[in-house]
Amino acid sequence: KIFTAGIIYHLFDQFTEHMKALKEKTKSDLSSKGVAVFPAILKIDKKNVFNKRNPIILGVDIHEGTLKVGTPLCIPQLKFMDIGVVGSIQHDHKDLKEATKGMSVAVKIDPVNDQQGQILFGRHFDDSHALVSKMTRDGISALKTHFKDDLGVDDWKLVQKLKTIFSGGVQFW
């Protein structure tokens, strides 16, 4: 893109706005494609199970991290069983784009494929299992490169924790 301005300060402002817009576009593209996955560990509230299958709708407590819409979830205790992606998050009947540590929210988990559509809460997994955001090497690299300022110290510690969990059992590590 070519910038023109009569005053150098206006040129600088145009350039910084352009760079900010490019950065935001890159962030939104990485998030929407599921590459940049924010770390989260969820505990299922067995009293708030609204739908057991396709889509699974559960009440959860955000034990650690930040849960965002579009986050793929798995269960490490069950050989890293993929259960789907977060389709929506609600708190007090209001849709949220993200939920942070300490919040209790309802989460709709949409299946990505037919196999995930057959997963049944109560049969394949239950409230004793923790739901974890599925992190990959590419996702961690994207977080380091583009979302470094969006994550706090606790989030980076959780990334390290999940990295050690996944490095022991996921085929793409």
N, C-alpha and C. Protein backbone atom coordinates (compact mmCIF):
# COMPACT_ATOMS: atom_id res chain seq x y z
N LYS A 1 0.85 -1.18 0.00
CA LYS A 1 0.00 0.00 0.00
C LYS A 1 0.89 1.23 0.00
N ILE A 2 0.47 2.22 -0.75
CA ILE A 2 1.23 3.46 -0.85
C ILE A 2 0.50 4.53 -0.03
N PHE A 3 1.27 5.21 0.79
CA PHE A 3 0.71 6.25 1.65
C PHE A 3 1.18 7.61 1.13
N THR A 4 0.27 8.56 1.15
CA THR A 4 0.62 9.93 0.77
C THR A 4 0.04 10.89 1.81
N ALA A 5 0.82 11.91 2.12
CA ALA A 5 0.37 12.92 3.07
C ALA A 5 1.25 14.15 2.91
N GLY A 6 0.70 15.30 3.20
CA GLY A 6 1.45 16.54 3.10
C GLY A 6 2.34 16.77 4.30
N ILE A 7 2.00 16.13 5.42
CA ILE A 7 2.76 16.30 6.65
C ILE A 7 3.27 14.93 7.08
N ILE A 8 4.51 14.88 7.46
CA ILE A 8 5.12 13.59 7.79
C ILE A 8 4.42 12.90 8.97
N TYR A 9 3.91 13.67 9.91
CA TYR A 9 3.21 13.09 11.05
C TYR A 9 1.95 12.36 10.62
N HIS A 10 1.25 12.90 9.62
CA HIS A 10 0.05 12.23 9.10
C HIS A 10 0.43 10.94 8.39
N LEU A 11 1.57 10.97 7.70
CA LEU A 11 2.07 9.77 7.04
C LEU A 11 2.38 8.68 8.07
N PHE A 12 3.02 9.07 9.13
CA PHE A 12 3.34 8.13 10.20
C PHE A 12 2.05 7.56 10.82
N ASP A 13 1.05 8.40 11.06
CA ASP A 13 -0.22 7.95 11.62
C ASP A 13 -0.91 6.95 10.69
N GLN A 14 -0.90 7.23 9.39
CA GLN A 14 -1.50 6.31 8.42
C GLN A 14 -0.79 4.95 8.45
N PHE A 15 0.53 4.99 8.51
CA PHE A 15 1.30 3.75 8.53
C PHE A 15 1.02 2.94 9.80
N THR A 16 0.98 3.58 10.96
CA THR A 16 0.73 2.86 12.20
C THR A 16 -0.69 2.28 12.23
N GLU A 17 -1.66 3.01 11.69
CA GLU A 17 -3.03 2.48 11.60
C GLU A 17 -3.08 1.27 10.68
N HIS A 18 -2.37 1.35 9.57
CA HIS A 18 -2.31 0.23 8.62
C HIS A 18 -1.68 -1.00 9.27
N MET A 19 -0.59 -0.82 9.99
CA MET A 19 0.08 -1.95 10.64
C MET A 19 -0.79 -2.55 11.74
N LYS A 20 -1.52 -1.71 12.47
CA LYS A 20 -2.42 -2.20 13.50
C LYS A 20 -3.54 -3.02 12.88
N ALA A 21 -4.09 -2.56 11.76
CA ALA A 21 -5.16 -3.28 11.07
C ALA A 21 -4.65 -4.63 10.54
N LEU A 22 -3.43 -4.65 10.00
CA LEU A 22 -2.85 -5.91 9.54
C LEU A 22 -2.66 -6.91 10.67
N LYS A 23 -2.20 -6.41 11.80
CA LYS A 23 -1.99 -7.28 12.98
C LYS A 23 -3.31 -7.86 13.46
N GLU A 24 -4.35 -7.04 13.53
CA GLU A 24 -5.68 -7.52 13.95
C GLU A 24 -6.25 -8.53 12.96
N LYS A 25 -6.03 -8.29 11.67
CA LYS A 25 -6.51 -9.23 10.65
C LYS A 25 -5.81 -10.57 10.79
N THR A 26 -4.51 -10.56 11.02
CA THR A 26 -3.75 -11.79 11.21
C THR A 26 -4.24 -12.54 12.43
N LYS A 27 -4.48 -11.82 13.52
CA LYS A 27 -4.99 -12.44 14.75
C LYS A 27 -6.36 -13.08 14.51
N SER A 28 -7.25 -12.36 13.84
CA SER A 28 -8.59 -12.91 13.61
C SER A 28 -8.54 -14.11 12.68
N ASP A 29 -7.66 -14.07 11.67
CA ASP A 29 -7.51 -15.21 10.76
C ASP A 29 -6.99 -16.45 11.50
N LEU A 30 -5.99 -16.27 12.34
CA LEU A 30 -5.44 -17.40 13.10
C LEU A 30 -6.46 -17.96 14.07
N SER A 31 -7.23 -17.08 14.69
CA SER A 31 -8.26 -17.54 15.63
C SER A 31 -9.39 -18.28 14.91
N SER A 32 -9.85 -17.73 13.79
CA SER A 32 -10.98 -18.34 13.08
C SER A 32 -10.60 -19.67 12.44
N LYS A 33 -9.34 -19.83 12.06
CA LYS A 33 -8.90 -21.09 11.45
C LYS A 33 -8.59 -22.15 12.51
N GLY A 34 -8.61 -21.78 13.78
CA GLY A 34 -8.34 -22.73 14.84
C GLY A 34 -6.87 -23.01 15.06
N VAL A 35 -6.00 -22.18 14.50
CA VAL A 35 -4.56 -22.37 14.69
C VAL A 35 -4.16 -21.86 16.07
N ALA A 36 -4.55 -20.65 16.39
CA ALA A 36 -4.22 -20.06 17.69
C ALA A 36 -5.28 -20.47 18.70
N VAL A 37 -4.90 -21.39 19.58
CA VAL A 37 -5.82 -21.91 20.59
C VAL A 37 -5.34 -21.45 21.96
N PHE A 38 -6.19 -20.73 22.67
CA PHE A 38 -5.82 -20.26 23.99
C PHE A 38 -5.94 -21.41 24.98
N PRO A 39 -5.04 -21.47 25.97
CA PRO A 39 -5.05 -22.58 26.92
C PRO A 39 -6.21 -22.48 27.91
N ALA A 40 -6.84 -23.63 28.20
CA ALA A 40 -7.92 -23.65 29.19
C ALA A 40 -8.09 -25.06 29.73
N ILE A 41 -8.42 -25.15 31.01
CA ILE A 41 -8.80 -26.41 31.64
C ILE A 41 -10.16 -26.18 32.28
N LEU A 42 -11.11 -27.05 31.93
CA LEU A 42 -12.49 -26.91 32.40
C LEU A 42 -12.88 -28.07 33.28
N LYS A 43 -13.62 -27.80 34.33
CA LYS A 43 -14.20 -28.83 35.18
C LYS A 43 -15.70 -28.86 34.93
N ILE A 44 -16.24 -30.05 34.67
CA ILE A 44 -17.66 -30.19 34.36
C ILE A 44 -18.48 -30.14 35.64
N ASP A 45 -19.56 -29.37 35.61
CA ASP A 45 -20.49 -29.30 36.73
C ASP A 45 -21.60 -30.31 36.46
N LYS A 46 -21.60 -31.42 37.20
CA LYS A 46 -22.55 -32.52 36.92
C LYS A 46 -24.00 -32.12 37.15
N LYS A 47 -24.24 -31.04 37.88
CA LYS A 47 -25.61 -30.59 38.11
C LYS A 47 -26.17 -29.82 36.92
N ASN A 48 -25.30 -29.40 36.02
CA ASN A 48 -25.72 -28.57 34.89
C ASN A 48 -25.37 -29.22 33.56
N VAL A 49 -25.96 -30.36 33.29
CA VAL A 49 -25.80 -31.03 32.01
C VAL A 49 -27.11 -30.82 31.25
N PHE A 50 -27.07 -30.04 30.17
CA PHE A 50 -28.28 -29.66 29.47
C PHE A 50 -28.58 -30.53 28.27
N ASN A 51 -27.54 -31.01 27.59
CA ASN A 51 -27.72 -31.89 26.43
C ASN A 51 -26.51 -32.82 26.39
N LYS A 52 -26.78 -34.13 26.29
CA LYS A 52 -25.70 -35.11 26.39
C LYS A 52 -25.05 -35.47 25.07
N ARG A 53 -25.68 -35.13 23.96
CA ARG A 53 -25.12 -35.52 22.67
C ARG A 53 -25.52 -34.54 21.57
N ASN A 54 -24.58 -34.22 20.75
CA ASN A 54 -24.72 -33.55 19.46
C ASN A 54 -25.77 -32.45 19.38
N PRO A 55 -25.54 -31.27 19.83
CA PRO A 55 -24.33 -30.79 20.49
C PRO A 55 -24.38 -31.06 21.99
N ILE A 56 -23.24 -31.26 22.58
CA ILE A 56 -23.13 -31.43 24.02
C ILE A 56 -23.20 -30.04 24.65
N ILE A 57 -24.10 -29.88 25.61
CA ILE A 57 -24.21 -28.59 26.30
C ILE A 57 -24.05 -28.85 27.80
N LEU A 58 -22.99 -28.28 28.36
CA LEU A 58 -22.61 -28.54 29.74
C LEU A 58 -22.36 -27.24 30.50
N GLY A 59 -22.60 -27.30 31.79
CA GLY A 59 -22.14 -26.25 32.67
C GLY A 59 -20.73 -26.59 33.09
N VAL A 60 -19.82 -25.64 33.00
CA VAL A 60 -18.43 -25.88 33.35
C VAL A 60 -17.89 -24.74 34.20
N ASP A 61 -16.87 -25.06 34.97
CA ASP A 61 -16.11 -24.05 35.71
C ASP A 61 -14.77 -23.91 35.00
N ILE A 62 -14.37 -22.68 34.72
CA ILE A 62 -13.07 -22.45 34.09
C ILE A 62 -12.03 -22.55 35.21
N HIS A 63 -11.35 -23.69 35.25
CA HIS A 63 -10.38 -23.96 36.31
C HIS A 63 -9.10 -23.16 36.10
N GLU A 64 -8.64 -23.12 34.85
CA GLU A 64 -7.44 -22.35 34.50
C GLU A 64 -7.58 -21.83 33.08
N GLY A 65 -6.96 -20.70 32.81
CA GLY A 65 -6.88 -20.19 31.45
C GLY A 65 -8.08 -19.39 30.99
N THR A 66 -8.17 -19.28 29.66
CA THR A 66 -9.24 -18.53 29.00
C THR A 66 -9.87 -19.41 27.94
N LEU A 67 -11.19 -19.55 27.99
CA LEU A 67 -11.92 -20.33 27.00
C LEU A 67 -12.56 -19.37 26.01
N LYS A 68 -12.31 -19.63 24.73
CA LYS A 68 -12.88 -18.79 23.67
C LYS A 68 -13.73 -19.64 22.74
N VAL A 69 -14.69 -19.00 22.08
CA VAL A 69 -15.50 -19.68 21.08
C VAL A 69 -14.57 -20.16 19.96
N GLY A 70 -14.76 -21.41 19.53
CA GLY A 70 -13.93 -21.99 18.49
C GLY A 70 -12.78 -22.84 19.02
N THR A 71 -12.64 -22.91 20.34
CA THR A 71 -11.57 -23.70 20.95
C THR A 71 -11.86 -25.19 20.82
N PRO A 72 -10.93 -25.97 20.25
CA PRO A 72 -11.12 -27.42 20.22
C PRO A 72 -10.85 -28.01 21.60
N LEU A 73 -11.70 -28.95 22.02
CA LEU A 73 -11.57 -29.55 23.35
C LEU A 73 -11.27 -31.04 23.25
N CYS A 74 -10.48 -31.53 24.20
CA CYS A 74 -10.19 -32.95 24.28
C CYS A 74 -10.11 -33.36 25.75
N ILE A 75 -10.00 -34.69 25.96
CA ILE A 75 -9.91 -35.23 27.31
C ILE A 75 -8.62 -36.04 27.41
N PRO A 76 -7.58 -35.48 28.05
CA PRO A 76 -6.30 -36.18 28.13
C PRO A 76 -6.38 -37.54 28.84
N GLN A 77 -7.26 -37.66 29.86
CA GLN A 77 -7.36 -38.92 30.61
C GLN A 77 -7.88 -40.07 29.75
N LEU A 78 -8.55 -39.77 28.65
CA LEU A 78 -9.12 -40.80 27.77
C LEU A 78 -8.38 -40.83 26.44
N LYS A 79 -7.07 -40.94 26.51
CA LYS A 79 -6.22 -41.01 25.32
C LYS A 79 -6.43 -39.81 24.40
N PHE A 80 -6.59 -38.66 25.00
CA PHE A 80 -6.75 -37.40 24.27
C PHE A 80 -7.94 -37.43 23.31
N MET A 81 -9.06 -37.96 23.79
CA MET A 81 -10.26 -38.06 22.97
C MET A 81 -10.77 -36.66 22.62
N ASP A 82 -10.88 -36.39 21.32
CA ASP A 82 -11.43 -35.12 20.84
C ASP A 82 -12.95 -35.18 20.96
N ILE A 83 -13.54 -34.13 21.56
CA ILE A 83 -14.99 -34.14 21.69
C ILE A 83 -15.68 -33.06 20.87
N GLY A 84 -14.92 -32.12 20.29
CA GLY A 84 -15.50 -31.09 19.45
C GLY A 84 -14.91 -29.73 19.72
N VAL A 85 -15.56 -28.71 19.18
CA VAL A 85 -15.12 -27.32 19.38
C VAL A 85 -16.22 -26.54 20.10
N VAL A 86 -15.80 -25.52 20.82
CA VAL A 86 -16.74 -24.68 21.54
C VAL A 86 -17.53 -23.86 20.53
N GLY A 87 -18.84 -24.10 20.47
CA GLY A 87 -19.71 -23.38 19.54
C GLY A 87 -20.23 -22.08 20.12
N SER A 88 -20.47 -22.09 21.44
CA SER A 88 -20.92 -20.86 22.10
C SER A 88 -20.68 -20.99 23.60
N ILE A 89 -20.64 -19.83 24.24
CA ILE A 89 -20.46 -19.74 25.69
C ILE A 89 -21.54 -18.81 26.22
N GLN A 90 -22.22 -19.23 27.30
CA GLN A 90 -23.25 -18.37 27.90
C GLN A 90 -23.04 -18.24 29.40
N HIS A 91 -23.33 -17.05 29.89
CA HIS A 91 -23.31 -16.78 31.33
C HIS A 91 -24.54 -15.93 31.62
N ASP A 92 -25.42 -16.41 32.48
CA ASP A 92 -26.67 -15.73 32.80
C ASP A 92 -27.48 -15.42 31.53
N HIS A 93 -27.59 -16.39 30.65
CA HIS A 93 -28.35 -16.31 29.40
C HIS A 93 -27.85 -15.24 28.44
N LYS A 94 -26.58 -14.86 28.58
CA LYS A 94 -25.96 -13.89 27.68
C LYS A 94 -24.78 -14.56 27.00
N ASP A 95 -24.72 -14.41 25.68
CA ASP A 95 -23.61 -14.99 24.93
C ASP A 95 -22.32 -14.23 25.21
N LEU A 96 -21.25 -15.00 25.36
CA LEU A 96 -19.92 -14.44 25.58
C LEU A 96 -18.99 -14.93 24.48
N LYS A 97 -17.96 -14.15 24.19
CA LYS A 97 -16.94 -14.59 23.24
C LYS A 97 -15.84 -15.35 23.96
N GLU A 98 -15.68 -15.08 25.26
CA GLU A 98 -14.67 -15.77 26.03
C GLU A 98 -15.06 -15.81 27.51
N ALA A 99 -14.48 -16.79 28.21
CA ALA A 99 -14.69 -16.92 29.65
C ALA A 99 -13.32 -17.11 30.29
N THR A 100 -13.12 -16.48 31.44
CA THR A 100 -11.82 -16.52 32.09
C THR A 100 -11.86 -17.33 33.38
N LYS A 101 -10.70 -17.55 33.93
CA LYS A 101 -10.52 -18.36 35.14
C LYS A 101 -11.49 -17.93 36.24
N GLY A 102 -12.13 -18.92 36.85
CA GLY A 102 -13.04 -18.65 37.95
C GLY A 102 -14.50 -18.51 37.55
N MET A 103 -14.79 -18.37 36.27
CA MET A 103 -16.17 -18.20 35.82
C MET A 103 -16.86 -19.56 35.71
N SER A 104 -18.16 -19.57 35.95
CA SER A 104 -19.00 -20.73 35.70
C SER A 104 -19.91 -20.39 34.53
N VAL A 105 -19.81 -21.16 33.46
CA VAL A 105 -20.53 -20.85 32.23
C VAL A 105 -21.15 -22.13 31.64
N ALA A 106 -22.07 -21.93 30.72
CA ALA A 106 -22.61 -23.04 29.92
C ALA A 106 -21.87 -23.02 28.58
N VAL A 107 -21.46 -24.21 28.14
CA VAL A 107 -20.68 -24.33 26.92
C VAL A 107 -21.37 -25.31 25.97
N LYS A 108 -21.55 -24.87 24.73
CA LYS A 108 -22.07 -25.75 23.68
C LYS A 108 -20.88 -26.27 22.90
N ILE A 109 -20.76 -27.61 22.84
CA ILE A 109 -19.64 -28.25 22.16
C ILE A 109 -20.17 -28.88 20.88
N ASP A 110 -19.77 -28.31 19.75
CA ASP A 110 -20.21 -28.80 18.45
C ASP A 110 -19.24 -29.86 17.93
N PRO A 111 -19.77 -30.97 17.38
CA PRO A 111 -18.88 -31.97 16.80
C PRO A 111 -18.30 -31.47 15.48
N VAL A 112 -17.05 -31.88 15.20
CA VAL A 112 -16.40 -31.49 13.96
C VAL A 112 -16.60 -32.57 12.90
N ASN A 113 -16.74 -33.82 13.34
CA ASN A 113 -16.92 -34.92 12.40
C ASN A 113 -17.99 -35.88 12.94
N ASP A 114 -18.31 -36.92 12.17
CA ASP A 114 -19.35 -37.86 12.56
C ASP A 114 -18.98 -38.63 13.82
N GLN A 115 -17.71 -38.95 13.98
CA GLN A 115 -17.27 -39.69 15.15
C GLN A 115 -17.52 -38.87 16.43
N GLN A 116 -17.22 -37.59 16.38
CA GLN A 116 -17.48 -36.73 17.54
C GLN A 116 -18.97 -36.55 17.77
N GLY A 117 -19.77 -36.67 16.74
CA GLY A 117 -21.22 -36.56 16.88
C GLY A 117 -21.82 -37.71 17.66
N GLN A 118 -21.10 -38.82 17.75
CA GLN A 118 -21.59 -39.99 18.47
C GLN A 118 -21.18 -40.01 19.94
N ILE A 119 -20.32 -39.08 20.36
CA ILE A 119 -19.85 -39.05 21.75
C ILE A 119 -21.01 -38.64 22.65
N LEU A 120 -21.18 -39.40 23.72
CA LEU A 120 -22.29 -39.20 24.65
C LEU A 120 -21.74 -38.91 26.05
N PHE A 121 -22.16 -37.80 26.63
CA PHE A 121 -21.79 -37.51 28.01
C PHE A 121 -22.47 -38.52 28.91
N GLY A 122 -21.71 -39.11 29.81
CA GLY A 122 -22.25 -40.13 30.70
C GLY A 122 -21.83 -41.53 30.28
N ARG A 123 -21.58 -41.72 28.99
CA ARG A 123 -21.11 -43.01 28.50
C ARG A 123 -19.63 -42.96 28.14
N HIS A 124 -19.23 -41.99 27.33
CA HIS A 124 -17.84 -41.91 26.89
C HIS A 124 -16.97 -41.07 27.82
N PHE A 125 -17.57 -40.12 28.49
CA PHE A 125 -16.87 -39.32 29.50
C PHE A 125 -17.90 -38.80 30.48
N ASP A 126 -17.42 -38.36 31.65
CA ASP A 126 -18.34 -37.85 32.67
C ASP A 126 -17.70 -36.68 33.41
N ASP A 127 -18.31 -36.31 34.53
CA ASP A 127 -17.85 -35.13 35.25
C ASP A 127 -16.52 -35.32 35.97
N SER A 128 -16.02 -36.54 36.02
CA SER A 128 -14.71 -36.77 36.65
C SER A 128 -13.56 -36.42 35.71
N HIS A 129 -13.86 -36.20 34.44
CA HIS A 129 -12.84 -35.88 33.45
C HIS A 129 -12.75 -34.37 33.24
N ALA A 130 -11.53 -33.89 33.09
CA ALA A 130 -11.31 -32.47 32.79
C ALA A 130 -11.31 -32.28 31.27
N LEU A 131 -11.93 -31.21 30.82
CA LEU A 131 -11.88 -30.83 29.41
C LEU A 131 -10.73 -29.85 29.24
N VAL A 132 -9.92 -30.09 28.21
CA VAL A 132 -8.71 -29.29 28.01
C VAL A 132 -8.69 -28.78 26.57
N SER A 133 -8.26 -27.53 26.39
CA SER A 133 -8.12 -27.02 25.03
C SER A 133 -6.98 -27.76 24.35
N LYS A 134 -7.21 -28.18 23.11
CA LYS A 134 -6.24 -28.99 22.37
C LYS A 134 -5.21 -28.07 21.74
N MET A 135 -3.99 -28.15 22.25
CA MET A 135 -2.91 -27.28 21.80
C MET A 135 -1.99 -28.06 20.86
N THR A 136 -1.46 -27.35 19.86
CA THR A 136 -0.50 -27.94 18.93
C THR A 136 0.76 -27.08 18.92
N ARG A 137 1.81 -27.59 18.32
CA ARG A 137 3.05 -26.80 18.21
C ARG A 137 2.80 -25.53 17.40
N ASP A 138 2.06 -25.67 16.30
CA ASP A 138 1.75 -24.50 15.47
C ASP A 138 0.94 -23.48 16.26
N GLY A 139 0.01 -23.96 17.08
CA GLY A 139 -0.81 -23.08 17.89
C GLY A 139 0.01 -22.32 18.92
N ILE A 140 0.94 -23.03 19.56
CA ILE A 140 1.79 -22.38 20.55
C ILE A 140 2.70 -21.35 19.87
N SER A 141 3.21 -21.68 18.70
CA SER A 141 4.03 -20.73 17.95
C SER A 141 3.22 -19.49 17.57
N ALA A 142 1.98 -19.70 17.15
CA ALA A 142 1.12 -18.57 16.81
C ALA A 142 0.84 -17.70 18.03
N LEU A 143 0.64 -18.33 19.20
CA LEU A 143 0.43 -17.56 20.43
C LEU A 143 1.67 -16.72 20.75
N LYS A 144 2.84 -17.32 20.63
CA LYS A 144 4.08 -16.60 20.93
C LYS A 144 4.30 -15.43 19.98
N THR A 145 3.99 -15.66 18.70
CA THR A 145 4.27 -14.64 17.69
C THR A 145 3.24 -13.52 17.68
N HIS A 146 1.96 -13.88 17.73
CA HIS A 146 0.91 -12.88 17.49
C HIS A 146 0.08 -12.50 18.72
N PHE A 147 0.07 -13.34 19.76
CA PHE A 147 -0.81 -13.09 20.90
C PHE A 147 -0.04 -12.94 22.21
N LYS A 148 1.24 -12.64 22.11
CA LYS A 148 2.11 -12.58 23.29
C LYS A 148 1.56 -11.61 24.34
N ASP A 149 1.06 -10.47 23.90
CA ASP A 149 0.55 -9.46 24.84
C ASP A 149 -0.83 -9.81 25.39
N ASP A 150 -1.55 -10.73 24.74
CA ASP A 150 -2.90 -11.09 25.17
C ASP A 150 -2.91 -12.12 26.29
N LEU A 151 -1.77 -12.78 26.53
CA LEU A 151 -1.68 -13.81 27.55
C LEU A 151 -0.88 -13.30 28.75
N GLY A 152 -1.37 -13.62 29.95
CA GLY A 152 -0.67 -13.24 31.17
C GLY A 152 0.34 -14.31 31.58
N VAL A 153 1.00 -14.08 32.68
CA VAL A 153 2.00 -15.02 33.19
C VAL A 153 1.36 -16.37 33.50
N ASP A 154 0.19 -16.35 34.13
CA ASP A 154 -0.49 -17.62 34.45
C ASP A 154 -0.87 -18.39 33.19
N ASP A 155 -1.26 -17.67 32.14
CA ASP A 155 -1.60 -18.33 30.88
C ASP A 155 -0.38 -19.00 30.26
N TRP A 156 0.77 -18.34 30.32
CA TRP A 156 1.99 -18.94 29.76
C TRP A 156 2.42 -20.15 30.57
N LYS A 157 2.22 -20.11 31.89
CA LYS A 157 2.51 -21.29 32.72
C LYS A 157 1.59 -22.44 32.33
N LEU A 158 0.33 -22.12 32.05
CA LEU A 158 -0.61 -23.15 31.63
C LEU A 158 -0.23 -23.72 30.26
N VAL A 159 0.25 -22.88 29.36
CA VAL A 159 0.72 -23.37 28.06
C VAL A 159 1.84 -24.38 28.28
N GLN A 160 2.78 -24.05 29.15
CA GLN A 160 3.88 -24.98 29.46
C GLN A 160 3.35 -26.29 30.04
N LYS A 161 2.38 -26.18 30.94
CA LYS A 161 1.78 -27.37 31.57
C LYS A 161 1.10 -28.25 30.51
N LEU A 162 0.32 -27.62 29.64
CA LEU A 162 -0.38 -28.38 28.60
C LEU A 162 0.60 -28.95 27.59
N LYS A 163 1.68 -28.23 27.33
CA LYS A 163 2.69 -28.73 26.40
C LYS A 163 3.29 -30.04 26.91
N THR A 164 3.56 -30.10 28.21
CA THR A 164 4.11 -31.34 28.77
C THR A 164 3.07 -32.46 28.76
N ILE A 165 1.81 -32.13 28.99
CA ILE A 165 0.75 -33.14 28.94
C ILE A 165 0.62 -33.70 27.53
N PHE A 166 0.56 -32.81 26.53
CA PHE A 166 0.36 -33.24 25.16
C PHE A 166 1.60 -33.90 24.57
N SER A 167 2.79 -33.51 25.01
CA SER A 167 4.00 -34.08 24.43
C SER A 167 4.14 -35.55 24.77
N GLY A 168 3.43 -36.02 25.77
CA GLY A 168 3.49 -37.42 26.14
C GLY A 168 2.53 -38.32 25.37
N GLY A 169 1.56 -37.77 24.65
CA GLY A 169 0.58 -38.65 24.07
C GLY A 169 -0.05 -38.28 22.75
N VAL A 170 0.22 -37.11 22.22
CA VAL A 170 -0.44 -36.72 20.97
C VAL A 170 0.52 -36.95 19.81
N GLN A 171 -0.02 -37.52 18.73
CA GLN A 171 0.81 -37.94 17.61
C GLN A 171 1.49 -36.81 16.87
N PHE A 172 1.00 -35.60 16.91
CA PHE A 172 1.57 -34.53 16.10
C PHE A 172 2.62 -33.72 16.86
N TRP A 173 3.04 -34.17 18.00
CA TRP A 173 4.13 -33.49 18.72
C TRP A 173 5.41 -34.03 18.25
